[in-house]
Amino acid sequence: MKESVGKAKFVDSPEEGKLKVSFFGPFYAGYNVVAIDPDYQYALVIGKNHNYLWILSRETTMLENIKQDYLQKARELGYDTSKLLWTQHD
């Protein structure tokens, strides 16, 4: 199992999904939550350019309709979703 520990700070307001995150000391990178479900179970997060995209889930599975919706949103933002790596959960 791998784990990453980082620090996140809101860039502007806590009501806005615009964060700066650091995994390596004083160096921060921008992360933007562009979609989240009402129950905060799933999120679509993008980085500073089209090389960084995450679809996050609190569970090891994700409803297919939500997954497809987030993939479509990512494509609309210009991301090549065919390059995504999917974590396998046993």
C-alpha atoms as a PDB file:
ATOM      1  CA  MET A   1       0.000   0.000   0.000  1.00  0.00           C
ATOM      2  CA  LYS A   2       1.190   3.527  -0.774  1.00  0.00           C
ATOM      3  CA  GLU A   3       0.260   6.674   1.060  1.00  0.00           C
ATOM      4  CA  SER A   4       0.870  10.353   0.422  1.00  0.00           C
ATOM      5  CA  VAL A   5       0.564  12.954   3.124  1.00  0.00           C
ATOM      6  CA  GLY A   6       0.185  16.594   2.232  1.00  0.00           C
ATOM      7  CA  LYS A   7      -1.057  19.942   3.480  1.00  0.00           C
ATOM      8  CA  ALA A   8      -3.865  21.850   1.777  1.00  0.00           C
ATOM      9  CA  LYS A   9      -4.850  25.499   2.141  1.00  0.00           C
ATOM     10  CA  PHE A  10      -7.752  27.376   0.619  1.00  0.00           C
ATOM     11  CA  VAL A  11      -6.583  29.951  -1.911  1.00  0.00           C
ATOM     12  CA  ASP A  12      -9.530  32.273  -1.358  1.00  0.00           C
ATOM     13  CA  SER A  13     -12.660  31.174   0.482  1.00  0.00           C
ATOM     14  CA  PRO A  14     -13.427  27.815   2.159  1.00  0.00           C
ATOM     15  CA  GLU A  15     -16.635  27.772   0.090  1.00  0.00           C
ATOM     16  CA  GLU A  16     -14.565  27.670  -3.112  1.00  0.00           C
ATOM     17  CA  GLY A  17     -12.844  24.436  -4.186  1.00  0.00           C
ATOM     18  CA  LYS A  18      -9.606  26.194  -5.088  1.00  0.00           C
ATOM     19  CA  LEU A  19      -6.705  24.819  -3.055  1.00  0.00           C
ATOM     20  CA  LYS A  20      -2.966  24.940  -2.878  1.00  0.00           C
ATOM     21  CA  VAL A  21      -1.445  21.653  -1.764  1.00  0.00           C
ATOM     22  CA  SER A  22       2.051  20.720  -0.655  1.00  0.00           C
ATOM     23  CA  PHE A  23       3.556  17.259  -0.421  1.00  0.00           C
ATOM     24  CA  PHE A  24       7.151  18.493  -0.267  1.00  0.00           C
ATOM     25  CA  GLY A  25       7.652  21.250   2.284  1.00  0.00           C
ATOM     26  CA  PRO A  26       7.292  24.830   1.115  1.00  0.00           C
ATOM     27  CA  PHE A  27       6.403  23.947  -2.503  1.00  0.00           C
ATOM     28  CA  TYR A  28       2.694  24.234  -3.327  1.00  0.00           C
ATOM     29  CA  ALA A  29       0.693  23.373  -6.440  1.00  0.00           C
ATOM     30  CA  GLY A  30      -2.820  24.390  -7.401  1.00  0.00           C
ATOM     31  CA  TYR A  31      -5.713  21.937  -7.244  1.00  0.00           C
ATOM     32  CA  ASN A  32      -9.295  22.777  -8.195  1.00  0.00           C
ATOM     33  CA  VAL A  33     -12.387  20.796  -7.262  1.00  0.00           C
ATOM     34  CA  VAL A  34     -14.552  21.208 -10.368  1.00  0.00           C
ATOM     35  CA  ALA A  35     -17.315  18.726  -9.465  1.00  0.00           C
ATOM     36  CA  ILE A  36     -18.504  17.141  -6.245  1.00  0.00           C
ATOM     37  CA  ASP A  37     -21.674  15.258  -5.427  1.00  0.00           C
ATOM     38  CA  PRO A  38     -24.101  16.598  -2.774  1.00  0.00           C
ATOM     39  CA  ASP A  39     -23.023  13.946  -0.241  1.00  0.00           C
ATOM     40  CA  TYR A  40     -19.279  14.573  -0.729  1.00  0.00           C
ATOM     41  CA  GLN A  41     -18.677  10.969  -1.820  1.00  0.00           C
ATOM     42  CA  TYR A  42     -17.108  11.698  -5.221  1.00  0.00           C
ATOM     43  CA  ALA A  43     -15.050  14.564  -6.614  1.00  0.00           C
ATOM     44  CA  LEU A  44     -13.426  15.620  -9.878  1.00  0.00           C
ATOM     45  CA  VAL A  45     -10.161  17.460  -9.194  1.00  0.00           C
ATOM     46  CA  ILE A  46      -7.862  19.099 -11.742  1.00  0.00           C
ATOM     47  CA  GLY A  47      -4.336  20.423 -11.452  1.00  0.00           C
ATOM     48  CA  LYS A  48      -2.510  23.358 -12.984  1.00  0.00           C
ATOM     49  CA  ASN A  49      -2.502  21.908 -16.496  1.00  0.00           C
ATOM     50  CA  HIS A  50      -3.987  19.072 -18.546  1.00  0.00           C
ATOM     51  CA  ASN A  51      -1.489  16.560 -17.094  1.00  0.00           C
ATOM     52  CA  TYR A  52      -3.248  16.405 -13.726  1.00  0.00           C
ATOM     53  CA  LEU A  53      -6.733  15.001 -13.172  1.00  0.00           C
ATOM     54  CA  TRP A  54      -8.231  12.871 -10.406  1.00  0.00           C
ATOM     55  CA  ILE A  55     -11.603  11.265  -9.920  1.00  0.00           C
ATOM     56  CA  LEU A  56     -11.869  10.593  -6.201  1.00  0.00           C
ATOM     57  CA  SER A  57     -14.240   8.311  -4.316  1.00  0.00           C
ATOM     58  CA  ARG A  58     -14.635   7.616  -0.619  1.00  0.00           C
ATOM     59  CA  GLU A  59     -15.497   4.019  -1.516  1.00  0.00           C
ATOM     60  CA  THR A  60     -13.574   1.461  -3.578  1.00  0.00           C
ATOM     61  CA  THR A  61     -16.332   1.512  -6.185  1.00  0.00           C
ATOM     62  CA  MET A  62     -18.106   4.311  -7.986  1.00  0.00           C
ATOM     63  CA  LEU A  63     -21.526   4.334  -9.590  1.00  0.00           C
ATOM     64  CA  GLU A  64     -21.024   4.061 -13.351  1.00  0.00           C
ATOM     65  CA  ASN A  65     -23.311   7.004 -14.159  1.00  0.00           C
ATOM     66  CA  ILE A  66     -21.320   9.299 -11.842  1.00  0.00           C
ATOM     67  CA  LYS A  67     -18.035   8.057 -13.290  1.00  0.00           C
ATOM     68  CA  GLN A  68     -19.244   8.714 -16.842  1.00  0.00           C
ATOM     69  CA  ASP A  69     -20.551  12.158 -15.863  1.00  0.00           C
ATOM     70  CA  TYR A  70     -17.168  13.123 -14.387  1.00  0.00           C
ATOM     71  CA  LEU A  71     -15.327  11.735 -17.416  1.00  0.00           C
ATOM     72  CA  GLN A  72     -17.546  13.813 -19.693  1.00  0.00           C
ATOM     73  CA  LYS A  73     -16.889  16.960 -17.624  1.00  0.00           C
ATOM     74  CA  ALA A  74     -13.152  16.281 -17.831  1.00  0.00           C
ATOM     75  CA  ARG A  75     -13.324  15.893 -21.622  1.00  0.00           C
ATOM     76  CA  GLU A  76     -15.282  19.154 -21.863  1.00  0.00           C
ATOM     77  CA  LEU A  77     -12.420  20.824 -19.962  1.00  0.00           C
ATOM     78  CA  GLY A  78      -9.938  19.490 -22.543  1.00  0.00           C
ATOM     79  CA  TYR A  79      -8.573  16.426 -20.714  1.00  0.00           C
ATOM     80  CA  ASP A  80      -7.647  13.240 -22.571  1.00  0.00           C
ATOM     81  CA  THR A  81      -9.428  10.751 -20.317  1.00  0.00           C
ATOM     82  CA  SER A  82      -7.987   7.784 -22.213  1.00  0.00           C
ATOM     83  CA  LYS A  83      -4.720   8.434 -20.329  1.00  0.00           C
ATOM     84  CA  LEU A  84      -6.267   7.965 -16.889  1.00  0.00           C
ATOM     85  CA  LEU A  85      -4.862   5.234 -14.671  1.00  0.00           C
ATOM     86  CA  TRP A  86      -7.482   3.367 -12.660  1.00  0.00           C
ATOM     87  CA  THR A  87      -6.601   2.002  -9.227  1.00  0.00           C
ATOM     88  CA  GLN A  88      -7.579  -1.617  -8.721  1.00  0.00           C
ATOM     89  CA  HIS A  89      -9.068  -2.424  -5.318  1.00  0.00           C
ATOM     90  CA  ASP A  90      -9.135  -5.992  -4.071  1.00  0.00           C
END
